[in-house]
Protein backbone atom coordinates (compact mmCIF):
# COMPACT_ATOMS: atom_id res chain seq x y z
CA MET A 1 -20.84 21.83 -14.81
CA SER A 2 -19.80 21.60 -18.65
CA LYS A 3 -18.86 18.12 -19.91
CA SER A 4 -15.00 19.40 -19.72
CA SER A 5 -15.32 19.65 -15.57
CA PRO A 6 -12.53 17.62 -14.26
CA ILE A 7 -13.01 14.64 -12.56
CA LEU A 8 -11.03 13.39 -9.87
CA VAL A 9 -10.16 9.92 -8.46
CA ILE A 10 -8.57 9.71 -5.35
CA ARG A 11 -8.72 5.82 -4.64
CA PRO A 12 -5.37 4.20 -3.68
CA LYS A 13 -3.77 2.11 -6.40
CA PRO A 14 -4.26 -0.27 -8.29
CA GLY A 15 -7.79 0.67 -8.04
CA LEU A 16 -7.04 4.30 -8.79
CA SER A 17 -5.58 2.80 -12.08
CA GLN A 18 -8.54 0.91 -13.30
CA THR A 19 -10.96 3.58 -12.56
CA LEU A 20 -8.98 6.41 -14.98
CA SER A 21 -8.96 4.11 -17.54
CA LEU A 22 -12.97 3.00 -17.28
CA GLY A 23 -14.12 6.95 -17.30
CA ARG A 24 -11.63 7.77 -20.02
CA GLU A 25 -13.29 5.02 -21.94
CA MET A 26 -16.67 6.67 -21.40
CA GLY A 27 -15.18 9.94 -22.86
CA LEU A 28 -15.13 11.59 -19.09
CA ASN A 29 -12.22 14.44 -18.15
CA MET A 30 -10.48 11.75 -15.68
CA HIS A 31 -7.45 12.77 -13.47
CA GLY A 32 -6.15 10.97 -10.58
CA PHE A 33 -4.33 11.37 -7.56
CA ALA A 34 -4.02 8.38 -4.73
CA LEU A 35 -5.00 10.41 -1.60
CA SER A 36 -3.99 7.23 0.59
CA GLU A 37 -1.60 4.26 0.21
CA VAL A 38 -2.12 0.78 1.29
CA GLN A 39 0.58 -1.72 2.73
CA PRO A 40 0.29 -4.76 4.57
CA VAL A 41 0.67 -5.77 8.15
CA THR A 42 1.66 -8.58 10.09
CA TRP A 43 -1.18 -11.00 11.07
CA GLU A 44 -2.28 -14.01 12.13
CA ILE A 45 -4.94 -16.52 11.62
CA PRO A 46 -6.92 -17.05 14.60
CA GLN A 47 -6.76 -20.06 16.84
CA ARG A 48 -9.86 -21.43 16.51
CA ASP A 49 -11.78 -23.27 14.28
CA GLY A 50 -15.84 -23.04 13.38
CA TYR A 51 -15.43 -20.65 10.39
CA ASP A 52 -18.01 -20.98 7.61
CA ALA A 53 -16.93 -18.50 5.21
CA LEU A 54 -14.19 -15.68 4.83
CA LEU A 55 -16.69 -12.09 4.59
CA LEU A 56 -14.51 -9.47 2.38
CA GLY A 57 -15.03 -5.94 2.07
CA SER A 58 -12.52 -4.99 -0.51
CA ALA A 59 -10.03 -6.93 -2.32
CA ASN A 60 -7.44 -5.05 -0.94
CA ALA A 61 -7.65 -7.73 2.00
CA ILE A 62 -6.45 -10.34 -0.96
CA ARG A 63 -4.27 -8.30 -2.97
CA HIS A 64 -2.30 -7.41 1.03
CA GLY A 65 -2.74 -10.22 3.21
CA GLY A 66 -0.05 -12.20 1.92
CA ALA A 67 0.77 -16.08 2.81
CA ASN A 68 -1.80 -16.76 5.43
CA LEU A 69 -3.80 -16.51 2.47
CA SER A 70 -2.94 -19.72 0.77
CA LYS A 71 -4.20 -21.63 5.04
CA LEU A 72 -7.90 -20.00 4.23
CA THR A 73 -8.85 -21.26 0.83
CA HIS A 74 -10.84 -23.98 2.26
CA LEU A 75 -13.18 -21.74 2.91
CA PRO A 76 -15.92 -20.02 0.85
CA VAL A 77 -15.84 -16.46 0.33
CA HIS A 78 -18.65 -13.83 0.68
CA ALA A 79 -17.71 -10.89 -1.80
CA VAL A 80 -18.43 -7.07 -1.41
CA GLY A 81 -18.69 -7.16 -5.18
CA GLU A 82 -17.77 -8.27 -8.35
CA ALA A 83 -14.25 -6.76 -8.29
CA THR A 84 -13.73 -8.55 -4.73
CA ALA A 85 -15.01 -12.10 -6.31
CA ARG A 86 -13.04 -11.50 -9.21
CA GLU A 87 -9.31 -10.96 -6.94
CA ALA A 88 -10.38 -13.78 -4.46
CA LYS A 89 -11.24 -16.48 -7.29
CA GLU A 90 -7.75 -15.54 -8.70
CA ALA A 91 -5.96 -16.12 -5.63
CA GLY A 92 -7.65 -19.72 -5.29
CA PHE A 93 -10.80 -19.13 -3.36
CA GLU A 94 -14.52 -20.40 -4.13
CA ILE A 95 -17.16 -17.09 -4.07
CA GLU A 96 -20.26 -18.44 -2.42
CA ARG A 97 -21.71 -15.33 -2.24
CA THR A 98 -21.50 -11.96 -4.11
CA GLY A 99 -23.31 -8.67 -3.19
CA LYS A 100 -24.92 -5.96 -5.04
CA GLY A 101 -25.33 -3.30 -2.37
CA GLY A 102 -22.63 -3.58 0.16
CA LEU A 103 -21.73 -6.47 2.96
CA GLN A 104 -25.08 -5.72 5.16
CA THR A 105 -27.10 -7.04 2.37
CA ILE A 106 -25.20 -10.30 2.94
CA LEU A 107 -25.72 -10.66 6.31
CA ASP A 108 -29.40 -10.02 5.70
CA GLN A 109 -29.44 -12.62 3.07
CA VAL A 110 -27.46 -15.17 4.15
CA SER A 111 -29.01 -18.48 6.04
CA ALA A 112 -28.12 -18.53 9.50
CA PRO A 113 -26.16 -19.70 11.72
CA ILE A 114 -23.54 -19.01 10.12
CA HIS A 115 -19.87 -17.47 11.55
CA TYR A 116 -17.43 -15.56 9.30
CA LEU A 117 -13.29 -14.64 9.31
CA ARG A 118 -13.74 -11.03 8.26
CA LEU A 119 -10.60 -9.90 6.53
CA VAL A 120 -10.67 -5.77 6.72
CA GLY A 121 -7.84 -2.60 7.06
CA ASN A 122 -7.70 -0.74 10.20
CA GLU A 123 -10.68 1.18 8.92
CA TYR A 124 -13.87 -0.73 8.20
CA VAL A 125 -17.61 -0.41 7.76
CA GLU A 126 -19.60 -1.29 10.96
CA LEU A 127 -22.17 -3.78 10.40
CA ARG A 128 -25.65 -5.53 12.10
CA PRO A 129 -25.26 -9.20 12.04
CA PRO A 130 -28.86 -10.42 12.43
CA LYS A 131 -29.92 -13.10 15.21
CA GLY A 132 -27.27 -16.06 14.16
CA VAL A 133 -24.81 -14.58 12.08
CA SER A 134 -21.45 -13.46 13.33
CA PHE A 135 -17.91 -12.53 12.50
CA ASP A 136 -14.15 -11.84 13.98
CA PRO A 137 -12.40 -9.30 12.46
CA ILE A 138 -8.85 -9.60 11.65
CA GLN A 139 -6.75 -6.14 9.89
CA VAL A 140 -4.81 -7.90 7.01
CA TYR A 141 -3.58 -4.43 5.55
CA ASP A 142 -3.23 -0.63 6.75
CA VAL A 143 -4.54 2.51 4.66
CA VAL A 144 -2.09 5.32 5.64
CA PRO A 145 -3.79 8.81 4.48
CA ARG A 146 -1.17 10.93 2.02
CA GLN A 147 -1.54 14.70 1.32
CA PHE A 148 -2.04 16.34 -1.92
CA SER A 149 0.91 17.34 -4.17
CA CYS A 150 1.14 20.46 -5.29
CA GLU A 151 -0.26 19.61 -8.99
CA ALA A 152 -2.81 17.85 -7.76
CA ALA A 153 -4.15 20.37 -4.95
CA ASN A 154 -4.66 22.55 -8.24
CA ILE A 155 -7.12 20.80 -9.89
CA LEU A 156 -9.30 21.51 -6.52
CA ASP A 157 -9.56 24.71 -7.67
CA GLU A 158 -11.51 24.24 -11.36
CA ALA A 159 -14.75 22.66 -9.53
CA PRO A 160 -14.02 19.37 -10.05
CA ILE A 161 -16.24 15.80 -9.37
CA VAL A 162 -14.46 13.86 -6.01
CA LEU A 163 -14.91 10.33 -7.14
CA LEU A 164 -15.29 8.44 -3.18
CA HIS A 165 -14.51 4.91 -2.71
CA SER A 166 -14.39 4.25 1.14
CA GLY A 167 -15.64 6.42 3.95
CA ALA A 168 -12.27 7.27 5.10
CA MET A 169 -11.43 8.39 2.09
CA THR A 170 -14.27 10.87 2.70
CA ARG A 171 -12.45 11.56 5.60
CA GLN A 172 -8.98 11.98 4.26
CA PHE A 173 -10.09 14.59 1.40
CA ALA A 174 -12.45 16.90 3.45
CA ASN A 175 -9.63 16.95 5.89
CA GLU A 176 -7.24 17.74 2.98
CA CYS A 177 -10.09 20.74 2.08
CA ASN A 178 -9.58 21.86 5.56
CA ARG A 179 -5.88 22.12 5.42
CA LEU A 180 -6.19 23.81 2.08
CA GLY A 181 -8.33 25.87 3.09
CA VAL A 182 -10.48 24.90 -0.58
CA ASP A 183 -13.80 26.42 -1.41
CA ARG A 184 -15.96 23.66 -0.66
CA SER A 185 -18.91 24.89 -2.20
CA THR A 186 -17.50 24.72 -5.50
CA ILE A 187 -16.51 20.60 -5.54
CA THR A 188 -19.41 18.31 -6.41
CA LEU A 189 -18.83 14.89 -4.32
CA ALA A 190 -19.84 11.47 -5.65
CA ALA A 191 -19.91 8.45 -3.28
CA MET A 192 -20.29 4.90 -4.32
CA GLY A 193 -22.58 4.40 -1.19
CA PRO A 194 -24.49 6.15 1.14
CA ARG A 195 -22.36 5.24 3.84
CA ILE A 196 -19.22 6.46 2.12
CA ALA A 197 -20.78 10.18 2.04
CA GLU A 198 -21.50 10.44 5.35
CA PRO A 199 -18.36 11.50 6.96
CA ALA A 200 -18.15 14.81 4.01
CA GLY A 201 -19.78 16.84 5.90
CA VAL A 202 -21.74 19.92 4.73
CA GLY A 203 -21.52 22.69 2.11
CA TRP A 204 -20.32 21.32 -0.88
CA ALA A 205 -21.40 21.88 -4.02
CA ALA A 206 -23.73 18.78 -4.24
CA ILE A 207 -23.20 15.22 -2.92
CA HIS A 208 -24.51 12.30 -5.23
CA VAL A 209 -24.97 8.74 -4.22
CA SER A 210 -24.72 5.92 -6.81
CA ASP A 211 -27.21 3.44 -6.60
CA GLU A 212 -25.02 0.28 -6.82
CA PRO A 213 -21.02 -0.26 -5.27
CA ASN A 214 -19.35 0.02 -8.41
CA ASP A 215 -16.98 1.95 -10.67
CA ALA A 216 -19.37 1.73 -13.93
CA ALA A 217 -22.85 2.54 -11.82
CA LEU A 218 -20.91 4.98 -9.91
CA LEU A 219 -19.15 6.82 -13.37
CA GLU A 220 -22.71 6.40 -15.26
CA MET A 221 -24.36 8.33 -12.17
CA VAL A 222 -21.57 10.99 -13.11
CA ARG A 223 -21.98 11.25 -16.24
CA SER A 224 -26.05 11.84 -16.82
CA VAL A 225 -26.07 13.52 -13.41
CA CYS A 226 -23.23 15.69 -12.40
CA ILE A 227 -22.20 17.08 -15.90
């Protein structure tokens, strides 16, 4: 691939704009089309006591959680990464722990016993809580898939590098390639983590996985490995 290879960002807004901006600062040939839209859902706080912390795997839980979040600010936050922690802090939460390798690493390192309230979307990563660690998931937002526009679909004919930020995003992109009859062998995938890459299936030009689950590491990997 040449340095002019297009890099396609398909995550929903506002993360889409943030990734595009960072990539352009790095001199990369960035393009974007949100292949999903995040929407809030109606939810109620569980009627039980005993939660020790909030477990957050996405900043979308804060962006779209609504008024009920103000009733939970007494709980410290354990966030998947810096971006999610930053959103939570700006919303008035205390950040107690910030992960660097996904939510599972937080659970593996936290001191038990601990019981979390986990704020999630309609799809979320399955976790393996160690002994003494537990959580109640509650859906606070919905990720609604979209189809490529004709203009965005044209980029798929230019041997792009596609950035993948979630497993749901990976499945939607693979489904869209099937719907459009795209030749997978011309497309390189760059995923933010191994679980995110898993739903992609086979037939792609290459699949690369970032060492750390953040945009800076993902884009640096693309610059050094993919182009």
